[in-house]
Amino acid sequence: MSTPPAAQPRLKVTRPVLAWALWDWGSAAINAVMTTFVFTVYLTSSLFGNKDENSSALATGLAVTGVLIALIAPVLGRRADAGGRRKFWLAVHTGIIVVATAACFFVRPDHAYLWMGIIFLCVATLGSELASVNYFAMLPQISSKETMGRVSGFGWAFGYLGGIVALAIVLFGFVQPLVPWAGSSDADGLNLRLVAVFCAVWTVIFCLPVFFAVPEVAAARHGERISWLASYKELFAHIGRLWRTDRTTLWFLLSSAIYRDGLAAIFTFGGVIAAAVFGMSQSQVIIFAIAGNVVAALGAFLGGWLDDRVGPRTVILACLLGLIAMGFGVFFSPGTAGFWVFGLGLCLLVGPAQSASRSLLARRTTPENAGEIFGLYTTTGRAVSFLAPTLFALFTSIAIAAGVSSEGDEGGQATRYGILGIMVVLAAGLVMFLFTRERTTTPAQPGAERA
């Protein structure tokens, strides 16, 4: 007779877990409103010139931002581990998000302001990615090996739910206000510019609890200041150690870097595609975004549950295959009905893939080295983060050159071909990930209260 599987421990939503998830809720305003469904749609609209050219410019700016993140993230993570300043750096980078987002208020609907808007948005993206290094590194502090997948999925789902609420407030308070007020005027883009201020305030309010509920990681070194040069030397030494002793983790970092760039691009360019290619209005894009976040939250919850039962590797493989199929569905869709069907399919699968990737790596860390490992996680992802934006811009530019977007019109249809660039990145990541073997460790769990 076979031995029945051990019952999975129940997920306990402790104070640290809830506060940690609230940071995801707070940052969702940036991810859902600013970089995906509202402000990027504003920047790439005809208010700033040709839509296809605006989309290409945004992709270029994000590619450059990715290079900066790749250079900074791993060292910051390692230094935060060594100095016991994980929460400090999370606070600094959250502050960068807030300031850069609020500054978007000054981006008026004129081509002369296009690059100002792109730069502010890229700085907010920089802060978000650097903040995620130390935020993700807190996962082993607040969970056990048995609940890591569900805690990770809980955090992702909370983020999507926060995005739903923020998008609903934006829709009914700024874009199609239930009660008209001075800030809902679309003259000079005022309502969309005020959305940036709203997102900055939202982030401050909901990101604060994590700084009070999750304890600071213990310093690995006491009284020792490490230079940036020494930090980089240790970084490369660590990569060398991974190559000699843990190539499975190193290969995962490399393969996941590619497919995660594709995942990020789906959200970054999702609203742009909806508006430019399928002609959806700002209100229609937000309604789709709310529906997409509902589906994504359900997907993250389900993905976290499956993660703890079948393993993160299986979840990631299934999601990547589904994402590629759904992406081609969007590309070949002739109208908005197809975009809704396949677009919601993408939303359903992105969350579990992101959450399972985070939990897979967290299972291979200890609380003492999590910041450095997740710094590498961010860096490897951002080291190739130029791929999806560059291929999106390249495929769009080729389509423009081929006459898909006629000179002098508002453009839009050439942007459809940017979808193919994203699919190429996802497919390459999937092929590399097929060679990644699953292995888990049981990290020590000192100190923090765990779910």
Protein backbone atom coordinates (compact mmCIF):
# COMPACT_ATOMS: atom_id res chain seq x y z
CA MET A 1 0.00 0.00 0.00
CA SER A 2 1.25 3.45 -0.80
CA THR A 3 1.72 5.97 1.95
CA PRO A 4 -0.79 8.83 1.69
CA PRO A 5 0.78 12.24 1.17
CA ALA A 6 1.23 14.35 4.25
CA ALA A 7 -1.39 17.02 4.73
CA GLN A 8 -0.24 20.48 3.72
CA PRO A 9 -0.08 22.94 6.65
CA ARG A 10 -2.79 25.56 6.60
CA LEU A 11 -1.72 29.01 5.44
CA LYS A 12 -1.84 31.32 8.44
CA VAL A 13 -2.11 34.99 7.50
CA THR A 14 0.03 36.45 10.26
CA ARG A 15 0.67 40.15 10.84
CA PRO A 16 4.03 40.04 8.97
CA VAL A 17 2.47 38.16 6.03
CA LEU A 18 -0.42 40.62 5.76
CA ALA A 19 1.87 43.65 6.01
CA TRP A 20 4.20 42.12 3.42
CA ALA A 21 1.27 41.52 1.05
CA LEU A 22 0.05 45.10 1.58
CA TRP A 23 3.27 46.37 0.02
CA ASP A 24 2.23 44.49 -3.13
CA TRP A 25 -1.22 46.08 -2.81
CA GLY A 26 0.34 49.53 -2.52
CA SER A 27 2.79 49.13 -5.40
CA ALA A 28 -0.03 47.81 -7.59
CA ALA A 29 -1.10 51.38 -8.33
CA ILE A 30 2.24 51.91 -10.07
CA ASN A 31 2.16 48.60 -11.91
CA ALA A 32 -1.48 48.57 -12.98
CA VAL A 33 -2.20 52.27 -13.41
CA MET A 34 1.08 53.95 -14.31
CA THR A 35 3.14 51.40 -16.24
CA THR A 36 0.42 49.26 -17.81
CA PHE A 37 -3.12 50.48 -18.34
CA VAL A 38 -3.38 54.24 -17.87
CA PHE A 39 -0.28 56.45 -17.96
CA THR A 40 1.61 54.49 -20.63
CA VAL A 41 -1.58 54.57 -22.73
CA TYR A 42 -1.64 58.35 -22.22
CA LEU A 43 2.02 58.70 -23.26
CA THR A 44 1.67 56.55 -26.38
CA SER A 45 -1.59 58.15 -27.51
CA SER A 46 -2.00 60.55 -30.42
CA LEU A 47 -1.85 63.43 -27.91
CA PHE A 48 1.95 63.04 -28.10
CA GLY A 49 2.20 62.35 -31.85
CA ASN A 50 2.30 59.14 -33.86
CA LYS A 51 1.21 56.21 -31.71
CA ASP A 52 3.66 53.69 -33.16
CA GLU A 53 6.61 56.05 -32.78
CA ASN A 54 5.57 56.81 -29.19
CA SER A 55 5.39 53.07 -28.43
CA SER A 56 8.86 52.57 -29.86
CA ALA A 57 10.24 55.48 -27.79
CA LEU A 58 8.73 54.05 -24.59
CA ALA A 59 10.25 50.65 -25.34
CA THR A 60 13.66 52.24 -25.88
CA GLY A 61 13.50 54.10 -22.58
CA LEU A 62 12.56 50.94 -20.69
CA ALA A 63 15.42 49.03 -22.32
CA VAL A 64 17.95 51.62 -21.10
CA THR A 65 16.40 51.48 -17.62
CA GLY A 66 16.89 47.73 -17.62
CA VAL A 67 20.63 48.14 -18.13
CA LEU A 68 20.87 50.49 -15.12
CA ILE A 69 18.93 48.05 -12.93
CA ALA A 70 21.16 45.18 -14.01
CA LEU A 71 24.24 47.10 -12.90
CA ILE A 72 22.87 48.14 -9.50
CA ALA A 73 20.48 45.48 -8.18
CA PRO A 74 22.78 42.61 -7.12
CA VAL A 75 25.22 44.77 -5.22
CA LEU A 76 22.45 46.60 -3.37
CA GLY A 77 20.93 43.27 -2.36
CA ARG A 78 24.25 41.95 -1.10
CA ARG A 79 25.06 45.14 0.81
CA ALA A 80 21.61 45.13 2.40
CA ASP A 81 22.20 41.55 3.60
CA ALA A 82 25.64 42.34 4.95
CA GLY A 83 24.63 45.52 6.75
CA GLY A 84 21.24 44.42 8.04
CA ARG A 85 19.56 47.28 6.12
CA ARG A 86 17.03 45.44 4.00
CA LYS A 87 14.10 47.55 5.20
CA PHE A 88 16.13 50.76 4.87
CA TRP A 89 16.80 50.17 1.18
CA LEU A 90 13.22 49.06 0.60
CA ALA A 91 12.14 52.42 2.07
CA VAL A 92 14.61 54.38 -0.08
CA HIS A 93 13.49 52.75 -3.31
CA THR A 94 9.82 53.01 -2.40
CA GLY A 95 10.48 56.74 -1.92
CA ILE A 96 11.96 56.94 -5.42
CA ILE A 97 8.80 55.31 -6.79
CA VAL A 98 6.61 57.84 -5.02
CA VAL A 99 8.56 60.95 -6.07
CA ALA A 100 8.97 59.91 -9.73
CA THR A 101 5.31 58.96 -9.97
CA ALA A 102 4.12 62.26 -8.48
CA ALA A 103 6.40 64.13 -10.92
CA CYS A 104 4.40 62.68 -13.81
CA PHE A 105 1.77 65.30 -12.96
CA PHE A 106 3.89 67.81 -14.91
CA VAL A 107 3.72 65.80 -18.17
CA ARG A 108 1.31 67.77 -20.34
CA PRO A 109 -0.31 66.30 -23.50
CA ASP A 110 2.20 67.62 -26.01
CA HIS A 111 4.97 65.93 -28.00
CA ALA A 112 7.50 68.20 -26.28
CA TYR A 113 6.70 66.43 -22.98
CA LEU A 114 6.94 62.87 -24.32
CA TRP A 115 10.49 62.14 -23.18
CA MET A 116 9.92 63.89 -19.86
CA GLY A 117 7.09 61.47 -19.22
CA ILE A 118 9.14 58.47 -20.35
CA ILE A 119 12.03 59.48 -18.08
CA PHE A 120 9.80 59.91 -15.02
CA LEU A 121 8.14 56.58 -15.75
CA CYS A 122 11.51 54.88 -16.18
CA VAL A 123 12.77 56.29 -12.86
CA ALA A 124 9.65 54.92 -11.15
CA THR A 125 10.34 51.57 -12.82
CA LEU A 126 13.94 51.71 -11.61
CA GLY A 127 12.77 52.29 -8.04
CA SER A 128 10.18 49.52 -8.32
CA GLU A 129 12.66 46.92 -9.55
CA LEU A 130 15.28 47.82 -6.95
CA ALA A 131 12.65 47.78 -4.19
CA SER A 132 11.56 44.31 -5.28
CA VAL A 133 15.05 42.95 -4.52
CA ASN A 134 14.64 43.44 -0.78
CA TYR A 135 10.87 42.92 -0.85
CA PHE A 136 11.21 39.49 -2.45
CA ALA A 137 14.08 38.68 -0.08
CA MET A 138 11.68 38.98 2.87
CA LEU A 139 9.74 35.90 1.69
CA PRO A 140 11.94 33.35 3.52
CA GLN A 141 11.62 35.49 6.66
CA ILE A 142 7.83 35.27 6.82
CA SER A 143 7.11 31.78 5.48
CA SER A 144 8.21 28.17 5.83
CA LYS A 145 9.28 25.78 3.09
CA GLU A 146 5.82 24.19 3.17
CA THR A 147 3.88 27.47 2.81
CA MET A 148 6.27 29.48 0.65
CA GLY A 149 4.31 28.96 -2.56
CA ARG A 150 1.01 30.01 -1.02
CA VAL A 151 2.49 33.03 0.76
CA SER A 152 4.09 34.11 -2.52
CA GLY A 153 0.81 33.59 -4.37
CA PHE A 154 -1.05 35.44 -1.61
CA GLY A 155 1.24 38.43 -2.12
CA TRP A 156 0.81 38.43 -5.90
CA ALA A 157 -2.97 38.08 -5.54
CA PHE A 158 -3.06 40.97 -3.07
CA GLY A 159 -1.20 43.04 -5.62
CA TYR A 160 -3.74 42.27 -8.30
CA LEU A 161 -6.62 43.03 -5.94
CA GLY A 162 -4.99 46.35 -5.07
CA GLY A 163 -4.74 47.04 -8.78
CA ILE A 164 -8.46 46.36 -9.17
CA VAL A 165 -9.41 48.85 -6.47
CA ALA A 166 -6.95 51.49 -7.73
CA LEU A 167 -8.16 51.11 -11.33
CA ALA A 168 -11.79 51.38 -10.22
CA ILE A 169 -11.03 54.61 -8.34
CA VAL A 170 -9.20 55.97 -11.41
CA LEU A 171 -12.09 55.04 -13.72
CA PHE A 172 -14.93 56.38 -11.59
CA GLY A 173 -13.03 59.24 -9.98
CA PHE A 174 -10.91 60.63 -12.82
CA VAL A 175 -11.78 59.20 -16.25
CA GLN A 176 -15.56 58.70 -16.09
CA PRO A 177 -16.37 60.33 -12.74
CA LEU A 178 -19.60 59.36 -11.05
CA VAL A 179 -19.64 62.85 -9.59
CA PRO A 180 -17.90 65.47 -11.77
CA TRP A 181 -15.32 67.56 -9.94
CA ALA A 182 -12.50 69.94 -10.87
CA GLY A 183 -9.89 67.16 -11.03
CA SER A 184 -11.92 65.09 -13.49
CA SER A 185 -11.52 67.65 -16.30
CA ASP A 186 -9.64 66.29 -19.30
CA ALA A 187 -8.52 69.78 -20.33
CA ASP A 188 -4.73 69.77 -20.70
CA GLY A 189 -4.78 66.13 -19.56
CA LEU A 190 -5.48 67.24 -15.99
CA ASN A 191 -7.43 64.15 -14.95
CA LEU A 192 -4.71 61.73 -16.11
CA ARG A 193 -1.97 63.89 -14.63
CA LEU A 194 -3.79 63.87 -11.28
CA VAL A 195 -3.95 60.08 -11.54
CA ALA A 196 -0.17 60.13 -11.05
CA VAL A 197 -0.56 62.07 -7.80
CA PHE A 198 -3.25 59.63 -6.65
CA CYS A 199 -0.93 56.67 -7.33
CA ALA A 200 1.89 58.28 -5.34
CA VAL A 201 -0.36 58.82 -2.30
CA TRP A 202 -1.80 55.30 -2.60
CA THR A 203 1.70 53.82 -2.59
CA VAL A 204 2.72 55.71 0.54
CA ILE A 205 -0.35 54.63 2.49
CA PHE A 206 -0.26 50.91 1.76
CA CYS A 207 3.50 50.34 1.60
CA LEU A 208 4.08 51.64 5.14
CA PRO A 209 2.90 48.59 7.19
CA VAL A 210 5.73 46.31 6.05
CA PHE A 211 8.27 48.59 7.71
CA PHE A 212 6.64 48.07 11.10
CA ALA A 213 5.54 44.42 10.94
CA VAL A 214 8.48 42.58 9.38
CA PRO A 215 11.69 42.54 11.44
CA GLU A 216 14.98 43.69 9.97
CA VAL A 217 17.35 40.97 8.83
CA ALA A 218 20.35 40.48 11.10
CA ALA A 219 23.55 42.04 9.80
CA ALA A 220 25.96 39.53 8.34
CA ARG A 221 28.92 41.72 9.23
CA HIS A 222 29.30 44.10 12.12
CA GLY A 223 31.22 47.35 11.89
CA GLU A 224 32.59 46.62 8.42
CA ARG A 225 31.94 48.97 5.52
CA ILE A 226 32.32 47.40 2.11
CA SER A 227 33.15 49.47 -0.95
CA TRP A 228 31.17 49.19 -4.15
CA LEU A 229 34.24 47.76 -5.91
CA ALA A 230 34.58 45.08 -3.24
CA SER A 231 30.87 44.38 -3.55
CA TYR A 232 31.21 43.75 -7.27
CA LYS A 233 34.20 41.50 -6.67
CA GLU A 234 32.18 39.47 -4.20
CA LEU A 235 29.29 39.38 -6.65
CA PHE A 236 31.43 37.76 -9.35
CA ALA A 237 32.99 35.47 -6.76
CA HIS A 238 29.47 34.38 -5.77
CA ILE A 239 28.55 33.69 -9.39
CA GLY A 240 31.72 31.61 -9.64
CA ARG A 241 30.73 29.64 -6.55
CA LEU A 242 27.29 29.01 -7.99
CA TRP A 243 28.91 27.75 -11.19
CA ARG A 244 31.08 25.33 -9.20
CA THR A 245 28.59 24.20 -6.57
CA ASP A 246 25.02 25.00 -7.63
CA ARG A 247 24.67 25.22 -11.38
CA THR A 248 20.98 24.34 -11.10
CA THR A 249 20.26 27.65 -9.37
CA LEU A 250 22.54 29.55 -11.74
CA TRP A 251 20.84 28.04 -14.79
CA PHE A 252 17.45 28.92 -13.33
CA LEU A 253 18.57 32.53 -12.84
CA LEU A 254 19.65 32.71 -16.48
CA SER A 255 16.64 30.97 -18.01
CA SER A 256 14.08 32.75 -15.84
CA ALA A 257 15.68 36.07 -16.73
CA ILE A 258 14.55 35.64 -20.30
CA TYR A 259 10.98 34.46 -19.77
CA ARG A 260 10.42 36.96 -16.92
CA ASP A 261 11.32 39.75 -19.30
CA GLY A 262 8.55 38.48 -21.55
CA LEU A 263 6.14 38.37 -18.60
CA ALA A 264 6.97 41.97 -17.68
CA ALA A 265 6.47 43.07 -21.28
CA ILE A 266 2.96 41.59 -21.36
CA PHE A 267 1.89 43.99 -18.63
CA THR A 268 4.01 46.91 -19.79
CA PHE A 269 2.64 46.89 -23.33
CA GLY A 270 -0.77 45.36 -22.66
CA GLY A 271 -2.59 48.68 -22.38
CA VAL A 272 -0.61 50.14 -25.27
CA ILE A 273 -1.67 47.24 -27.51
CA ALA A 274 -5.31 47.50 -26.41
CA ALA A 275 -5.48 51.20 -27.26
CA ALA A 276 -3.21 51.43 -30.31
CA VAL A 277 -4.06 48.14 -32.07
CA PHE A 278 -7.66 47.48 -31.07
CA GLY A 279 -8.80 51.10 -30.74
CA MET A 280 -10.02 50.80 -27.17
CA SER A 281 -10.68 54.06 -25.38
CA GLN A 282 -9.04 54.93 -22.05
CA SER A 283 -12.23 53.89 -20.23
CA GLN A 284 -12.43 50.60 -22.11
CA VAL A 285 -8.78 49.87 -21.34
CA ILE A 286 -9.39 50.46 -17.63
CA ILE A 287 -12.47 48.21 -17.64
CA PHE A 288 -10.41 45.49 -19.30
CA ALA A 289 -7.67 46.11 -16.76
CA ILE A 290 -10.07 45.63 -13.85
CA ALA A 291 -11.34 42.37 -15.35
CA GLY A 292 -7.78 41.30 -16.07
CA ASN A 293 -6.68 41.94 -12.51
CA VAL A 294 -9.62 39.92 -11.15
CA VAL A 295 -8.60 37.01 -13.36
CA ALA A 296 -4.93 37.48 -12.48
CA ALA A 297 -5.70 37.45 -8.75
CA LEU A 298 -7.60 34.17 -9.14
CA GLY A 299 -4.70 32.80 -11.16
CA ALA A 300 -2.17 33.80 -8.49
CA PHE A 301 -4.24 32.15 -5.71
CA LEU A 302 -4.62 28.97 -7.76
CA GLY A 303 -1.00 29.03 -8.82
CA GLY A 304 0.18 29.33 -5.20
CA TRP A 305 -1.99 26.35 -4.23
CA LEU A 306 -0.63 24.28 -7.13
CA ASP A 307 2.94 25.41 -6.37
CA ASP A 308 2.88 23.71 -2.96
CA ARG A 309 1.38 20.53 -4.42
CA VAL A 310 2.97 19.88 -7.81
CA GLY A 311 6.03 22.11 -7.48
CA PRO A 312 6.90 25.50 -8.97
CA ARG A 313 8.68 24.01 -11.99
CA THR A 314 5.52 22.32 -13.26
CA VAL A 315 3.50 25.50 -12.72
CA ILE A 316 6.04 27.61 -14.63
CA LEU A 317 6.20 25.20 -17.60
CA ALA A 318 2.42 25.01 -17.93
CA CYS A 319 2.05 28.78 -17.70
CA LEU A 320 4.73 29.51 -20.30
CA LEU A 321 3.16 27.14 -22.82
CA GLY A 322 -0.23 28.71 -22.21
CA LEU A 323 1.14 32.25 -22.46
CA ILE A 324 2.70 31.61 -25.86
CA ALA A 325 -0.58 30.19 -27.16
CA MET A 326 -2.58 33.13 -25.79
CA GLY A 327 -0.08 35.66 -27.15
CA PHE A 328 -0.46 34.37 -30.68
CA GLY A 329 -4.20 34.44 -30.13
CA VAL A 330 -3.98 38.19 -29.42
CA PHE A 331 -1.77 38.72 -32.49
CA PHE A 332 -4.22 37.04 -34.87
CA SER A 333 -7.35 38.53 -33.27
CA PRO A 334 -9.18 40.76 -35.78
CA GLY A 335 -11.17 42.65 -33.17
CA THR A 336 -11.72 43.48 -29.53
CA ALA A 337 -13.66 40.27 -28.77
CA GLY A 338 -10.59 38.16 -29.48
CA PHE A 339 -8.41 40.56 -27.51
CA TRP A 340 -10.70 40.16 -24.50
CA VAL A 341 -10.62 36.35 -24.65
CA PHE A 342 -6.91 35.88 -25.22
CA GLY A 343 -5.90 38.93 -23.19
CA LEU A 344 -7.71 37.59 -20.12
CA GLY A 345 -6.01 34.25 -20.77
CA LEU A 346 -2.66 36.03 -20.55
CA CYS A 347 -3.71 37.69 -17.28
CA LEU A 348 -4.71 34.33 -15.81
CA LEU A 349 -1.29 32.80 -16.48
CA VAL A 350 1.14 35.64 -15.79
CA GLY A 351 0.52 35.73 -12.03
CA PRO A 352 1.19 32.02 -11.35
CA ALA A 353 4.35 32.13 -13.49
CA GLN A 354 5.69 35.14 -11.56
CA SER A 355 4.73 33.77 -8.16
CA ALA A 356 6.13 30.29 -8.83
CA SER A 357 9.40 31.77 -10.07
CA ARG A 358 9.76 33.75 -6.85
CA SER A 359 8.94 30.77 -4.64
CA LEU A 360 11.22 28.42 -6.59
CA LEU A 361 14.17 30.68 -5.91
CA ALA A 362 13.13 31.40 -2.32
CA ARG A 363 13.26 27.65 -1.65
CA ARG A 364 16.94 27.77 -2.56
CA THR A 365 17.92 30.59 -0.20
CA THR A 366 18.43 31.23 3.48
CA PRO A 367 17.26 34.37 5.28
CA GLU A 368 20.91 35.41 5.52
CA ASN A 369 21.65 35.35 1.77
CA ALA A 370 18.20 36.00 0.33
CA GLY A 371 18.91 39.63 -0.52
CA GLU A 372 21.99 38.76 -2.53
CA ILE A 373 20.26 35.88 -4.32
CA PHE A 374 17.24 38.00 -5.16
CA GLY A 375 19.60 40.77 -6.22
CA LEU A 376 21.03 38.28 -8.71
CA TYR A 377 17.46 37.33 -9.62
CA THR A 378 16.66 40.95 -10.43
CA THR A 379 19.99 41.51 -12.14
CA THR A 380 19.85 38.49 -14.40
CA GLY A 381 16.33 39.52 -15.32
CA ARG A 382 17.34 43.10 -15.97
CA ALA A 383 20.60 42.10 -17.67
CA VAL A 384 18.44 40.92 -20.55
CA SER A 385 15.54 43.29 -19.95
CA PHE A 386 16.40 45.06 -23.16
CA LEU A 387 15.25 41.95 -25.05
CA ALA A 388 11.46 42.29 -24.95
CA PRO A 389 11.33 46.11 -25.27
CA THR A 390 13.97 46.03 -28.01
CA LEU A 391 12.25 43.26 -29.95
CA PHE A 392 8.90 44.99 -29.44
CA ALA A 393 10.39 48.21 -30.84
CA LEU A 394 12.19 46.32 -33.64
CA PHE A 395 9.14 44.42 -34.84
CA THR A 396 7.06 47.60 -34.64
CA SER A 397 9.69 49.58 -36.56
CA ILE A 398 9.91 46.90 -39.26
CA ALA A 399 6.14 47.02 -39.64
CA ILE A 400 6.24 50.82 -39.90
CA ALA A 401 8.97 50.58 -42.55
CA ALA A 402 6.89 48.02 -44.42
CA GLY A 403 4.03 50.52 -44.62
CA VAL A 404 1.72 48.99 -42.03
CA SER A 405 1.45 52.44 -40.42
CA SER A 406 1.02 55.07 -43.10
CA GLU A 407 3.05 58.23 -42.75
CA GLY A 408 1.00 61.11 -41.44
CA ASP A 409 -1.75 59.08 -39.76
CA GLU A 410 -2.09 58.46 -36.04
CA GLY A 411 -0.68 54.96 -36.41
CA GLY A 412 -1.45 51.92 -34.29
CA GLN A 413 -1.53 48.81 -36.44
CA ALA A 414 2.24 48.43 -36.66
CA THR A 415 2.25 48.04 -32.88
CA ARG A 416 0.46 44.69 -33.36
CA TYR A 417 3.72 43.22 -34.65
CA GLY A 418 5.45 44.12 -31.41
CA ILE A 419 3.49 41.21 -29.89
CA LEU A 420 5.66 38.84 -31.93
CA GLY A 421 8.78 40.22 -30.24
CA ILE A 422 7.33 39.36 -26.83
CA MET A 423 6.44 35.84 -27.98
CA VAL A 424 10.00 35.27 -29.22
CA VAL A 425 11.33 36.14 -25.74
CA LEU A 426 8.84 33.83 -23.98
CA ALA A 427 9.65 30.97 -26.32
CA ALA A 428 13.41 31.38 -25.78
CA GLY A 429 12.92 31.42 -22.01
CA LEU A 430 10.78 28.30 -22.17
CA VAL A 431 13.40 26.38 -24.14
CA MET A 432 16.12 27.32 -21.66
CA PHE A 433 13.93 26.53 -18.65
CA LEU A 434 13.30 23.00 -19.97
CA PHE A 435 16.91 22.24 -19.01
CA THR A 436 16.49 23.46 -15.43
CA ARG A 437 16.18 20.67 -12.89
CA GLU A 438 14.07 21.19 -9.79
CA ARG A 439 15.90 21.19 -6.49
CA THR A 440 14.90 22.61 -3.14
CA THR A 441 16.71 23.28 0.09
CA THR A 442 15.37 23.75 3.58
CA PRO A 443 16.60 27.18 4.63
CA ALA A 444 16.93 28.03 8.26
CA GLN A 445 14.05 30.10 9.52
CA PRO A 446 15.25 32.03 12.54
CA GLY A 447 13.60 35.05 14.03
CA ALA A 448 10.54 36.08 12.13
CA GLU A 449 7.05 34.80 12.70
CA ARG A 450 6.15 32.43 9.89
CA ALA A 451 2.95 31.47 8.13
